[in-house]
PDB file of N, CA and C in Angstrom:
ATOM      1  N   UNK A   1     -11.480 -13.915  17.097  1.00  0.00           N
ATOM      2  CA  UNK A   1     -11.863 -13.346  15.827  1.00  0.00           C
ATOM      3  C   UNK A   1     -10.753 -13.522  15.004  1.00  0.00           C
ATOM      4  N   UNK A   2     -10.951 -13.336  13.566  1.00  0.00           N
ATOM      5  CA  UNK A   2      -9.511 -13.035  12.596  1.00  0.00           C
ATOM      6  C   UNK A   2      -8.980 -11.582  12.867  1.00  0.00           C
ATOM      7  N   UNK A   3      -7.889 -11.370  11.912  1.00  0.00           N
ATOM      8  CA  UNK A   3      -6.952 -10.540  12.054  1.00  0.00           C
ATOM      9  C   UNK A   3      -8.230  -9.656  11.159  1.00  0.00           C
ATOM     10  N   UNK A   4      -8.956 -10.152  10.121  1.00  0.00           N
ATOM     11  CA  UNK A   4      -9.499  -9.087   9.171  1.00  0.00           C
ATOM     12  C   UNK A   4     -10.880  -8.614   9.414  1.00  0.00           C
ATOM     13  N   UNK A   5     -11.034  -9.540  10.539  1.00  0.00           N
ATOM     14  CA  UNK A   5     -12.430  -9.070  11.265  1.00  0.00           C
ATOM     15  C   UNK A   5     -12.068  -8.313  12.191  1.00  0.00           C
ATOM     16  N   UNK A   6     -10.951  -7.783  12.484  1.00  0.00           N
ATOM     17  CA  UNK A   6     -10.196  -6.902  13.483  1.00  0.00           C
ATOM     18  C   UNK A   6     -10.182  -5.363  12.872  1.00  0.00           C
ATOM     19  N   UNK A   7      -9.799  -5.726  11.424  1.00  0.00           N
ATOM     20  CA  UNK A   7      -9.420  -4.266  10.715  1.00  0.00           C
ATOM     21  C   UNK A   7     -10.251  -3.258  10.915  1.00  0.00           C
ATOM     22  N   UNK A   8      -9.123  -1.909  11.408  1.00  0.00           N
ATOM     23  CA  UNK A   8      -9.484  -0.457  11.224  1.00  0.00           C
ATOM     24  C   UNK A   8     -10.447  -0.232  10.512  1.00  0.00           C
ATOM     25  N   UNK A   9     -11.330   0.540  10.258  1.00  0.00           N
ATOM     26  CA  UNK A   9     -11.948   1.043   9.129  1.00  0.00           C
ATOM     27  C   UNK A   9     -11.318   1.730   8.723  1.00  0.00           C
ATOM     28  N   UNK A  10     -10.364   2.360   8.792  1.00  0.00           N
ATOM     29  CA  UNK A  10      -9.415   3.717   8.191  1.00  0.00           C
ATOM     30  C   UNK A  10      -8.545   2.317   7.306  1.00  0.00           C
ATOM     31  N   UNK A  11      -8.246   1.216   7.578  1.00  0.00           N
ATOM     32  CA  UNK A  11      -6.885   0.313   7.007  1.00  0.00           C
ATOM     33  C   UNK A  11      -7.651  -0.480   5.826  1.00  0.00           C
ATOM     34  N   UNK A  12      -9.548  -0.984   6.378  1.00  0.00           N
ATOM     35  CA  UNK A  12      -9.949  -0.774   5.687  1.00  0.00           C
ATOM     36  C   UNK A  12     -10.093  -0.507   3.909  1.00  0.00           C
ATOM     37  N   UNK A  13     -10.170   1.054   4.543  1.00  0.00           N
ATOM     38  CA  UNK A  13     -10.211   1.734   3.578  1.00  0.00           C
ATOM     39  C   UNK A  13      -9.517   1.741   2.604  1.00  0.00           C
ATOM     40  N   UNK A  14      -7.585   1.903   2.779  1.00  0.00           N
ATOM     41  CA  UNK A  14      -7.082   1.597   2.281  1.00  0.00           C
ATOM     42  C   UNK A  14      -6.803   0.609   1.650  1.00  0.00           C
ATOM     43  N   UNK A  15      -6.933  -0.534   1.839  1.00  0.00           N
ATOM     44  CA  UNK A  15      -7.377  -1.971   0.688  1.00  0.00           C
ATOM     45  C   UNK A  15      -8.120  -1.841   0.309  1.00  0.00           C
ATOM     46  N   UNK A  16      -9.467  -0.822   0.156  1.00  0.00           N
ATOM     47  CA  UNK A  16     -10.303  -0.847  -1.048  1.00  0.00           C
ATOM     48  C   UNK A  16      -9.982   0.164  -2.036  1.00  0.00           C
ATOM     49  N   UNK A  17      -9.273   1.156  -1.489  1.00  0.00           N
ATOM     50  CA  UNK A  17      -8.603   2.129  -2.757  1.00  0.00           C
ATOM     51  C   UNK A  17      -7.469   1.120  -3.588  1.00  0.00           C
ATOM     52  N   UNK A  18      -6.381   0.534  -2.441  1.00  0.00           N
ATOM     53  CA  UNK A  18      -5.426  -0.514  -3.562  1.00  0.00           C
ATOM     54  C   UNK A  18      -6.076  -1.242  -4.256  1.00  0.00           C
ATOM     55  N   UNK A  19      -7.347  -2.324  -3.691  1.00  0.00           N
ATOM     56  CA  UNK A  19      -8.205  -3.332  -4.860  1.00  0.00           C
ATOM     57  C   UNK A  19      -8.647  -2.319  -6.002  1.00  0.00           C
ATOM     58  N   UNK A  20      -9.342  -1.153  -5.478  1.00  0.00           N
ATOM     59  CA  UNK A  20      -9.890  -0.437  -6.770  1.00  0.00           C
ATOM     60  C   UNK A  20      -9.070  -0.032  -7.904  1.00  0.00           C
ATOM     61  N   UNK A  21      -8.159   0.756  -7.621  1.00  0.00           N
ATOM     62  CA  UNK A  21      -6.719   0.664  -8.583  1.00  0.00           C
ATOM     63  C   UNK A  21      -6.358  -0.265  -9.550  1.00  0.00           C
ATOM     64  N   UNK A  22      -6.009  -1.164  -8.504  1.00  0.00           N
ATOM     65  CA  UNK A  22      -5.582  -2.361  -9.196  1.00  0.00           C
ATOM     66  C   UNK A  22      -6.404  -3.011 -10.337  1.00  0.00           C
ATOM     67  N   UNK A  23      -7.761  -2.853 -10.232  1.00  0.00           N
ATOM     68  CA  UNK A  23      -8.570  -3.691 -10.928  1.00  0.00           C
ATOM     69  C   UNK A  23      -8.855  -2.312 -12.084  1.00  0.00           C
ATOM     70  N   UNK A  24      -9.315  -1.221 -11.377  1.00  0.00           N
ATOM     71  CA  UNK A  24      -9.455   0.186 -12.355  1.00  0.00           C
ATOM     72  C   UNK A  24      -8.648  -0.251 -13.914  1.00  0.00           C
ATOM     73  N   UNK A  25      -7.331  -0.162 -13.191  1.00  0.00           N
ATOM     74  CA  UNK A  25      -5.942   0.124 -14.305  1.00  0.00           C
ATOM     75  C   UNK A  25      -5.443  -0.899 -14.618  1.00  0.00           C
ATOM     76  N   UNK A  26      -6.187  -2.390 -14.646  1.00  0.00           N
ATOM     77  CA  UNK A  26      -5.595  -3.782 -14.956  1.00  0.00           C
ATOM     78  C   UNK A  26      -4.196  -3.782 -14.872  1.00  0.00           C
ATOM     79  N   UNK A  27      -3.654  -3.505 -13.877  1.00  0.00           N
ATOM     80  CA  UNK A  27      -2.093  -3.190 -13.362  1.00  0.00           C
ATOM     81  C   UNK A  27      -2.109  -4.666 -11.999  1.00  0.00           C
ATOM     82  N   UNK A  28      -0.689  -5.175 -12.223  1.00  0.00           N
ATOM     83  CA  UNK A  28      -0.398  -6.598 -11.354  1.00  0.00           C
ATOM     84  C   UNK A  28      -0.649  -6.011  -9.930  1.00  0.00           C
ATOM     85  N   UNK A  29      -0.342  -5.035  -9.378  1.00  0.00           N
ATOM     86  CA  UNK A  29      -0.663  -4.575  -7.888  1.00  0.00           C
ATOM     87  C   UNK A  29      -0.976  -3.259  -7.802  1.00  0.00           C
ATOM     88  N   UNK A  30      -1.840  -2.887  -6.563  1.00  0.00           N
ATOM     89  CA  UNK A  30      -2.251  -1.668  -6.506  1.00  0.00           C
ATOM     90  C   UNK A  30      -1.851  -1.973  -5.079  1.00  0.00           C
ATOM     91  N   UNK A  31      -1.883  -0.353  -4.835  1.00  0.00           N
ATOM     92  CA  UNK A  31      -1.253   0.223  -3.201  1.00  0.00           C
ATOM     93  C   UNK A  31      -1.963   1.140  -2.834  1.00  0.00           C
ATOM     94  N   UNK A  32      -2.058   1.793  -1.735  1.00  0.00           N
ATOM     95  CA  UNK A  32      -2.765   2.906  -1.058  1.00  0.00           C
ATOM     96  C   UNK A  32      -1.829   3.164   0.012  1.00  0.00           C
ATOM     97  N   UNK A  33      -1.522   4.746   0.625  1.00  0.00           N
ATOM     98  CA  UNK A  33      -0.949   4.703   2.212  1.00  0.00           C
ATOM     99  C   UNK A  33      -1.788   5.639   2.705  1.00  0.00           C
ATOM    100  N   UNK A  34      -1.557   6.072   3.630  1.00  0.00           N
ATOM    101  CA  UNK A  34      -2.377   6.844   4.657  1.00  0.00           C
ATOM    102  C   UNK A  34      -1.168   7.584   5.389  1.00  0.00           C
ATOM    103  N   UNK A  35      -1.374   9.206   4.922  1.00  0.00           N
ATOM    104  CA  UNK A  35      -0.380   9.277   5.794  1.00  0.00           C
ATOM    105  C   UNK A  35      -0.488  10.512   7.316  1.00  0.00           C
ATOM    106  N   UNK A  36       0.291  10.678   7.941  1.00  0.00           N
ATOM    107  CA  UNK A  36      -0.245  11.585   8.957  1.00  0.00           C
ATOM    108  C   UNK A  36      -0.859  12.250   9.698  1.00  0.00           C
ATOM    109  N   UNK A  37      -1.650  13.163   8.560  1.00  0.00           N
ATOM    110  CA  UNK A  37      -2.933  13.715   8.492  1.00  0.00           C
ATOM    111  C   UNK A  37      -4.004  13.147   7.992  1.00  0.00           C
ATOM    112  N   UNK A  38      -4.389  11.602   7.689  1.00  0.00           N
ATOM    113  CA  UNK A  38      -5.120  10.851   7.375  1.00  0.00           C
ATOM    114  C   UNK A  38      -5.594  11.206   6.143  1.00  0.00           C
ATOM    115  N   UNK A  39      -4.815  11.530   4.627  1.00  0.00           N
ATOM    116  CA  UNK A  39      -4.811  11.891   3.872  1.00  0.00           C
ATOM    117  C   UNK A  39      -4.545  10.315   3.284  1.00  0.00           C
ATOM    118  N   UNK A  40      -5.207  10.117   2.116  1.00  0.00           N
ATOM    119  CA  UNK A  40      -4.713   8.763   1.152  1.00  0.00           C
ATOM    120  C   UNK A  40      -3.728   8.979  -0.256  1.00  0.00           C
ATOM    121  N   UNK A  41      -3.359   8.055  -0.353  1.00  0.00           N
ATOM    122  CA  UNK A  41      -2.605   7.889  -1.852  1.00  0.00           C
ATOM    123  C   UNK A  41      -2.805   6.952  -2.863  1.00  0.00           C
ATOM    124  N   UNK A  42      -3.313   6.168  -3.610  1.00  0.00           N
ATOM    125  CA  UNK A  42      -3.531   5.187  -3.962  1.00  0.00           C
ATOM    126  C   UNK A  42      -2.693   4.873  -5.333  1.00  0.00           C
ATOM    127  N   UNK A  43      -2.259   4.060  -5.764  1.00  0.00           N
ATOM    128  CA  UNK A  43      -1.135   3.738  -6.890  1.00  0.00           C
ATOM    129  C   UNK A  43      -1.444   2.868  -7.461  1.00  0.00           C
ATOM    130  N   UNK A  44      -1.678   2.306  -8.807  1.00  0.00           N
ATOM    131  CA  UNK A  44      -0.688   1.074  -9.358  1.00  0.00           C
ATOM    132  C   UNK A  44       0.973   0.916  -9.883  1.00  0.00           C
ATOM    133  N   UNK A  45       0.942  -0.155 -10.277  1.00  0.00           N
ATOM    134  CA  UNK A  45       2.114  -0.847 -10.971  1.00  0.00           C
ATOM    135  C   UNK A  45       2.102   0.299 -12.047  1.00  0.00           C
ATOM    136  N   UNK A  46       3.817   0.837 -12.093  1.00  0.00           N
ATOM    137  CA  UNK A  46       4.550   1.658 -13.191  1.00  0.00           C
ATOM    138  C   UNK A  46       4.631   0.817 -13.898  1.00  0.00           C
ATOM    139  N   UNK A  47       4.841   0.286 -15.181  1.00  0.00           N
ATOM    140  CA  UNK A  47       5.640  -0.575 -16.146  1.00  0.00           C
ATOM    141  C   UNK A  47       5.442  -0.382 -17.434  1.00  0.00           C
ATOM    142  N   UNK A  48       6.678   1.369 -17.580  1.00  0.00           N
ATOM    143  CA  UNK A  48       6.743   1.846 -18.877  1.00  0.00           C
ATOM    144  C   UNK A  48       8.555   0.803 -19.325  1.00  0.00           C
ATOM    145  N   UNK A  49       8.511   1.611 -20.567  1.00  0.00           N
ATOM    146  CA  UNK A  49       9.576   0.901 -21.198  1.00  0.00           C
ATOM    147  C   UNK A  49      10.940   1.691 -20.299  1.00  0.00           C
ATOM    148  N   UNK A  50      10.325   2.967 -19.564  1.00  0.00           N
ATOM    149  CA  UNK A  50      12.105   3.689 -19.058  1.00  0.00           C
ATOM    150  C   UNK A  50      11.887   3.820 -17.592  1.00  0.00           C
ATOM    151  N   UNK A  51      10.468   3.593 -16.869  1.00  0.00           N
ATOM    152  CA  UNK A  51      10.447   3.620 -15.476  1.00  0.00           C
ATOM    153  C   UNK A  51       9.554   2.156 -15.216  1.00  0.00           C
ATOM    154  N   UNK A  52      10.075   2.145 -14.367  1.00  0.00           N
ATOM    155  CA  UNK A  52       9.342   0.673 -13.436  1.00  0.00           C
ATOM    156  C   UNK A  52       9.468   0.836 -11.941  1.00  0.00           C
ATOM    157  N   UNK A  53       8.007   0.973 -11.396  1.00  0.00           N
ATOM    158  CA  UNK A  53       7.944   0.789  -9.450  1.00  0.00           C
ATOM    159  C   UNK A  53       7.084   0.143  -9.705  1.00  0.00           C
ATOM    160  N   UNK A  54       6.618  -0.378  -8.322  1.00  0.00           N
ATOM    161  CA  UNK A  54       5.812  -1.217  -7.824  1.00  0.00           C
ATOM    162  C   UNK A  54       4.715  -0.186  -7.483  1.00  0.00           C
ATOM    163  N   UNK A  55       3.643  -0.568  -7.420  1.00  0.00           N
ATOM    164  CA  UNK A  55       2.552  -0.183  -6.861  1.00  0.00           C
ATOM    165  C   UNK A  55       2.347   1.446  -5.382  1.00  0.00           C
ATOM    166  N   UNK A  56       3.335   0.126  -4.517  1.00  0.00           N
ATOM    167  CA  UNK A  56       3.437   0.661  -3.346  1.00  0.00           C
ATOM    168  C   UNK A  56       4.579   2.033  -3.534  1.00  0.00           C
ATOM    169  N   UNK A  57       5.683   1.537  -3.917  1.00  0.00           N
ATOM    170  CA  UNK A  57       6.658   2.890  -3.702  1.00  0.00           C
ATOM    171  C   UNK A  57       5.973   4.271  -4.578  1.00  0.00           C
ATOM    172  N   UNK A  58       5.386   3.735  -5.271  1.00  0.00           N
ATOM    173  CA  UNK A  58       4.463   4.526  -6.428  1.00  0.00           C
ATOM    174  C   UNK A  58       3.732   5.648  -5.505  1.00  0.00           C
ATOM    175  N   UNK A  59       3.137   4.623  -4.918  1.00  0.00           N
ATOM    176  CA  UNK A  59       2.257   5.096  -3.338  1.00  0.00           C
ATOM    177  C   UNK A  59       2.850   6.206  -2.989  1.00  0.00           C
ATOM    178  N   UNK A  60       3.973   5.191  -1.778  1.00  0.00           N
ATOM    179  CA  UNK A  60       4.879   6.865  -1.215  1.00  0.00           C
ATOM    180  C   UNK A  60       5.289   8.046  -2.368  1.00  0.00           C
ATOM    181  N   UNK A  61       5.884   7.410  -2.949  1.00  0.00           N
ATOM    182  CA  UNK A  61       6.527   8.741  -4.173  1.00  0.00           C
ATOM    183  C   UNK A  61       5.357   9.959  -4.014  1.00  0.00           C
ATOM    184  N   UNK A  62       4.238   9.551  -4.526  1.00  0.00           N
ATOM    185  CA  UNK A  62       3.240  10.059  -4.532  1.00  0.00           C
ATOM    186  C   UNK A  62       3.013  11.262  -3.275  1.00  0.00           C
ATOM    187  N   UNK A  63       2.947  10.571  -1.988  1.00  0.00           N
ATOM    188  CA  UNK A  63       2.535  10.947  -0.476  1.00  0.00           C
ATOM    189  C   UNK A  63       4.039  12.349  -0.756  1.00  0.00           C
ATOM    190  N   UNK A  64       5.227  11.196  -0.594  1.00  0.00           N
ATOM    191  CA  UNK A  64       6.409  12.720  -0.393  1.00  0.00           C
ATOM    192  C   UNK A  64       6.218  13.749  -1.458  1.00  0.00           C
ATOM    193  N   UNK A  65       5.596  13.066  -2.784  1.00  0.00           N
ATOM    194  CA  UNK A  65       5.395  14.895  -3.649  1.00  0.00           C
ATOM    195  C   UNK A  65       4.453  15.687  -3.008  1.00  0.00           C
ATOM    196  N   UNK A  66       3.206  15.047  -2.229  1.00  0.00           N
ATOM    197  CA  UNK A  66       2.587  16.030  -2.077  1.00  0.00           C
ATOM    198  C   UNK A  66       2.204  16.421  -0.645  1.00  0.00           C
ATOM    199  N   UNK A  67       3.830  16.483  -0.102  1.00  0.00           N
ATOM    200  CA  UNK A  67       4.485  17.099   1.135  1.00  0.00           C
ATOM    201  C   UNK A  67       3.657  16.082   2.777  1.00  0.00           C
ATOM    202  N   UNK A  68       3.747  14.928   2.356  1.00  0.00           N
ATOM    203  CA  UNK A  68       3.770  13.960   3.708  1.00  0.00           C
ATOM    204  C   UNK A  68       5.016  14.524   3.912  1.00  0.00           C
ATOM    205  N   UNK A  69       4.961  14.012   5.672  1.00  0.00           N
ATOM    206  CA  UNK A  69       6.051  13.811   6.080  1.00  0.00           C
ATOM    207  C   UNK A  69       6.734  12.664   7.088  1.00  0.00           C
ATOM    208  N   UNK A  70       4.801  11.905   7.133  1.00  0.00           N
ATOM    209  CA  UNK A  70       5.380  10.126   7.586  1.00  0.00           C
ATOM    210  C   UNK A  70       3.585   9.544   7.298  1.00  0.00           C
ATOM    211  N   UNK A  71       4.246   8.764   7.607  1.00  0.00           N
ATOM    212  CA  UNK A  71       3.219   7.232   7.244  1.00  0.00           C
ATOM    213  C   UNK A  71       2.495   6.816   8.344  1.00  0.00           C
ATOM    214  N   UNK A  72       1.036   6.777   7.974  1.00  0.00           N
ATOM    215  CA  UNK A  72       0.107   5.627   9.434  1.00  0.00           C
ATOM    216  C   UNK A  72       0.207   4.356   9.125  1.00  0.00           C
ATOM    217  N   UNK A  73       0.048   3.764   7.694  1.00  0.00           N
ATOM    218  CA  UNK A  73      -0.327   2.822   7.448  1.00  0.00           C
ATOM    219  C   UNK A  73      -0.130   2.519   5.966  1.00  0.00           C
ATOM    220  N   UNK A  74       0.019   1.803   5.189  1.00  0.00           N
ATOM    221  CA  UNK A  74       0.028   0.847   4.056  1.00  0.00           C
ATOM    222  C   UNK A  74      -0.143  -0.221   3.330  1.00  0.00           C
ATOM    223  N   UNK A  75      -0.851  -0.264   1.914  1.00  0.00           N
ATOM    224  CA  UNK A  75      -1.739  -1.648   2.052  1.00  0.00           C
ATOM    225  C   UNK A  75      -1.151  -1.929   0.214  1.00  0.00           C
ATOM    226  N   UNK A  76      -1.111  -3.053  -0.011  1.00  0.00           N
ATOM    227  CA  UNK A  76      -0.775  -3.108  -1.402  1.00  0.00           C
ATOM    228  C   UNK A  76      -1.933  -4.661  -1.432  1.00  0.00           C
ATOM    229  N   UNK A  77      -2.331  -4.781  -2.512  1.00  0.00           N
ATOM    230  CA  UNK A  77      -3.502  -5.776  -2.843  1.00  0.00           C
ATOM    231  C   UNK A  77      -2.151  -6.214  -4.435  1.00  0.00           C
ATOM    232  N   UNK A  78      -2.269  -7.828  -3.665  1.00  0.00           N
ATOM    233  CA  UNK A  78      -1.633  -8.519  -4.807  1.00  0.00           C
ATOM    234  C   UNK A  78      -1.606  -9.514  -4.876  1.00  0.00           C
ATOM    235  N   UNK A  79      -0.960 -10.160  -5.740  1.00  0.00           N
ATOM    236  CA  UNK A  79      -0.608 -12.323  -6.070  1.00  0.00           C
ATOM    237  C   UNK A  79       0.325 -12.769  -4.875  1.00  0.00           C
ATOM    238  N   UNK A  80       1.330 -11.851  -4.948  1.00  0.00           N
ATOM    239  CA  UNK A  80       2.313 -11.726  -4.106  1.00  0.00           C
ATOM    240  C   UNK A  80       1.974 -12.146  -2.963  1.00  0.00           C
ATOM    241  N   UNK A  81       3.209 -12.845  -2.154  1.00  0.00           N
ATOM    242  CA  UNK A  81       2.904 -14.221  -1.394  1.00  0.00           C
ATOM    243  C   UNK A  81       3.578 -12.844  -0.248  1.00  0.00           C
ATOM    244  N   UNK A  82       3.891 -11.708  -0.596  1.00  0.00           N
ATOM    245  CA  UNK A  82       4.400 -10.857   0.671  1.00  0.00           C
ATOM    246  C   UNK A  82       4.961  -9.430  -0.479  1.00  0.00           C
ATOM    247  N   UNK A  83       5.395  -8.648   0.548  1.00  0.00           N
ATOM    248  CA  UNK A  83       5.650  -7.476  -0.152  1.00  0.00           C
ATOM    249  C   UNK A  83       6.628  -7.477  -0.286  1.00  0.00           C
ATOM    250  N   UNK A  84       7.846  -7.009  -1.071  1.00  0.00           N
ATOM    251  CA  UNK A  84       9.533  -7.093  -1.284  1.00  0.00           C
ATOM    252  C   UNK A  84      10.028  -6.100  -0.250  1.00  0.00           C
ATOM    253  N   UNK A  85      11.000  -6.582  -0.224  1.00  0.00           N
ATOM    254  CA  UNK A  85      11.951  -5.738   1.050  1.00  0.00           C
ATOM    255  C   UNK A  85      12.014  -3.953   0.432  1.00  0.00           C
ATOM    256  N   UNK A  86      12.161  -4.029  -0.881  1.00  0.00           N
ATOM    257  CA  UNK A  86      12.127  -2.849  -1.603  1.00  0.00           C
ATOM    258  C   UNK A  86      10.875  -1.841  -1.395  1.00  0.00           C
ATOM    259  N   UNK A  87       9.759  -2.536  -1.110  1.00  0.00           N
ATOM    260  CA  UNK A  87       8.840  -1.568  -0.797  1.00  0.00           C
ATOM    261  C   UNK A  87       8.847  -0.976   0.561  1.00  0.00           C
ATOM    262  N   UNK A  88       8.683  -2.302   1.454  1.00  0.00           N
ATOM    263  CA  UNK A  88       8.420  -2.109   2.719  1.00  0.00           C
ATOM    264  C   UNK A  88       9.306  -0.762   3.079  1.00  0.00           C
ATOM    265  N   UNK A  89      11.193  -1.367   2.335  1.00  0.00           N
ATOM    266  CA  UNK A  89      11.635   0.202   2.602  1.00  0.00           C
ATOM    267  C   UNK A  89      11.490   1.837   2.472  1.00  0.00           C
ATOM    268  N   UNK A  90      10.745   1.508   1.613  1.00  0.00           N
ATOM    269  CA  UNK A  90      10.568   3.283   0.983  1.00  0.00           C
ATOM    270  C   UNK A  90       9.327   3.465   2.118  1.00  0.00           C
ATOM    271  N   UNK A  91       8.535   2.523   2.574  1.00  0.00           N
ATOM    272  CA  UNK A  91       7.249   2.501   3.449  1.00  0.00           C
ATOM    273  C   UNK A  91       7.984   2.893   5.177  1.00  0.00           C
ATOM    274  N   UNK A  92       9.192   2.216   5.299  1.00  0.00           N
ATOM    275  CA  UNK A  92      10.121   2.724   6.862  1.00  0.00           C
ATOM    276  C   UNK A  92      10.457   3.929   6.409  1.00  0.00           C
ATOM    277  N   UNK A  93      11.191   4.399   5.416  1.00  0.00           N
ATOM    278  CA  UNK A  93      11.536   5.920   4.697  1.00  0.00           C
ATOM    279  C   UNK A  93      10.638   6.741   5.170  1.00  0.00           C
ATOM    280  N   UNK A  94       9.967   6.614   4.899  1.00  0.00           N
ATOM    281  CA  UNK A  94       8.449   7.759   5.237  1.00  0.00           C
ATOM    282  C   UNK A  94       8.208   7.248   6.216  1.00  0.00           C
ATOM    283  N   UNK A  95       7.833   6.139   7.142  1.00  0.00           N
ATOM    284  CA  UNK A  95       6.968   5.947   7.733  1.00  0.00           C
ATOM    285  C   UNK A  95       7.398   5.767   8.841  1.00  0.00           C
ATOM    286  N   UNK A  96       8.586   5.298   9.385  1.00  0.00           N
ATOM    287  CA  UNK A  96       9.123   4.264  10.456  1.00  0.00           C
ATOM    288  C   UNK A  96       8.733   2.952  10.281  1.00  0.00           C
ATOM    289  N   UNK A  97       9.951   2.353  10.672  1.00  0.00           N
ATOM    290  CA  UNK A  97       9.727   0.948  11.080  1.00  0.00           C
ATOM    291  C   UNK A  97       8.515  -0.233  11.537  1.00  0.00           C
ATOM    292  N   UNK A  98       7.779   0.614  12.288  1.00  0.00           N
ATOM    293  CA  UNK A  98       6.391   0.590  12.875  1.00  0.00           C
ATOM    294  C   UNK A  98       5.387   0.726  11.960  1.00  0.00           C
ATOM    295  N   UNK A  99       5.559   1.367  10.951  1.00  0.00           N
ATOM    296  CA  UNK A  99       4.227   1.123  10.350  1.00  0.00           C
ATOM    297  C   UNK A  99       4.022   0.138   9.241  1.00  0.00           C
ATOM    298  N   UNK A 100       2.359  -0.099   9.574  1.00  0.00           N
ATOM    299  CA  UNK A 100       2.135  -1.104   9.190  1.00  0.00           C
ATOM    300  C   UNK A 100       1.710  -1.429   7.413  1.00  0.00           C
ATOM    301  N   UNK A 101       2.302  -2.300   6.885  1.00  0.00           N
ATOM    302  CA  UNK A 101       1.699  -2.846   5.618  1.00  0.00           C
ATOM    303  C   UNK A 101       0.653  -3.733   5.357  1.00  0.00           C
ATOM    304  N   UNK A 102      -0.271  -4.050   5.039  1.00  0.00           N
ATOM    305  CA  UNK A 102      -1.455  -4.750   5.233  1.00  0.00           C
ATOM    306  C   UNK A 102      -1.151  -5.405   3.512  1.00  0.00           C
ATOM    307  N   UNK A 103      -1.112  -6.658   3.554  1.00  0.00           N
ATOM    308  CA  UNK A 103      -1.188  -7.635   2.110  1.00  0.00           C
ATOM    309  C   UNK A 103      -2.392  -8.275   2.210  1.00  0.00           C
ATOM    310  N   UNK A 104      -3.161  -8.141   1.355  1.00  0.00           N
ATOM    311  CA  UNK A 104      -4.454  -8.174   0.335  1.00  0.00           C
ATOM    312  C   UNK A 104      -4.339  -8.859  -0.958  1.00  0.00           C
ATOM    313  N   UNK A 105      -5.298 -10.319  -0.884  1.00  0.00           N
ATOM    314  CA  UNK A 105      -5.563 -10.425  -1.965  1.00  0.00           C
ATOM    315  C   UNK A 105      -6.461 -10.058  -3.031  1.00  0.00           C
ATOM    316  N   UNK A 106      -6.184 -10.314  -4.300  1.00  0.00           N
ATOM    317  CA  UNK A 106      -6.838  -9.706  -5.291  1.00  0.00           C
ATOM    318  C   UNK A 106      -8.496  -9.458  -4.777  1.00  0.00           C
ATOM    319  N   UNK A 107      -8.692 -10.022  -3.922  1.00  0.00           N
ATOM    320  CA  UNK A 107     -10.325 -10.034  -3.793  1.00  0.00           C
ATOM    321  C   UNK A 107     -10.896  -9.373  -2.319  1.00  0.00           C
ATOM    322  N   UNK A 108      -9.417  -8.691  -1.958  1.00  0.00           N
ATOM    323  CA  UNK A 108      -9.513  -7.567  -1.163  1.00  0.00           C
ATOM    324  C   UNK A 108      -9.265  -8.701   0.494  1.00  0.00           C
ATOM    325  N   UNK A 109      -8.672  -9.650   0.850  1.00  0.00           N
ATOM    326  CA  UNK A 109      -8.711 -10.524   1.673  1.00  0.00           C
ATOM    327  C   UNK A 109      -7.549 -10.109   2.225  1.00  0.00           C
ATOM    328  N   UNK A 110      -7.263  -9.175   3.633  1.00  0.00           N
ATOM    329  CA  UNK A 110      -5.750  -9.475   4.284  1.00  0.00           C
ATOM    330  C   UNK A 110      -5.893 -10.733   4.549  1.00  0.00           C
ATOM    331  N   UNK A 111      -4.525 -10.891   4.109  1.00  0.00           N
ATOM    332  CA  UNK A 111      -3.691 -12.035   3.888  1.00  0.00           C
ATOM    333  C   UNK A 111      -2.609 -12.101   5.190  1.00  0.00           C
ATOM    334  N   UNK A 112      -1.885 -10.860   5.332  1.00  0.00           N
ATOM    335  CA  UNK A 112      -0.619 -10.801   6.747  1.00  0.00           C
ATOM    336  C   UNK A 112      -0.988  -8.906   6.580  1.00  0.00           C
ATOM    337  N   UNK A 113      -0.370  -8.821   8.083  1.00  0.00           N
ATOM    338  CA  UNK A 113      -0.098  -7.380   8.278  1.00  0.00           C
ATOM    339  C   UNK A 113       1.797  -7.341   8.459  1.00  0.00           C
ATOM    340  N   UNK A 114       2.644  -6.962   8.295  1.00  0.00           N
ATOM    341  CA  UNK A 114       4.045  -6.797   7.992  1.00  0.00           C
ATOM    342  C   UNK A 114       4.482  -5.399   8.400  1.00  0.00           C
ATOM    343  N   UNK A 115       5.501  -5.812   9.579  1.00  0.00           N
ATOM    344  CA  UNK A 115       6.353  -4.302   9.444  1.00  0.00           C
ATOM    345  C   UNK A 115       6.547  -3.571   8.298  1.00  0.00           C
ATOM    346  N   UNK A 116       6.597  -2.411   8.668  1.00  0.00           N
ATOM    347  CA  UNK A 116       7.596  -1.714   7.533  1.00  0.00           C
ATOM    348  C   UNK A 116       9.069  -2.323   7.173  1.00  0.00           C
TER     349      UNK A 116
END
């Protein structure tokens, strides 16, 4: 059975949220995180002249700003082959090194599960 077929429904949900943000906002990446209470935060890439943030770092910042104290999982939908070290570090800062980062393609297909 493939990794995608075994995907937890809650993990599938954050991939779907990330994919929706990417499509709705026509941005390079969409991301979503799930906190310790099950709340989700979804964000797209921020590309202003004075502020540039990846989708995943933006989603982590939204979780922190909303009072989250930990993360259960993170997802990023992107054309990139991997999540950057900076993105994984942001997840690790809030969720710990064992927090899974789900990397999905633009079609929502899970390509990899990376450690934070």
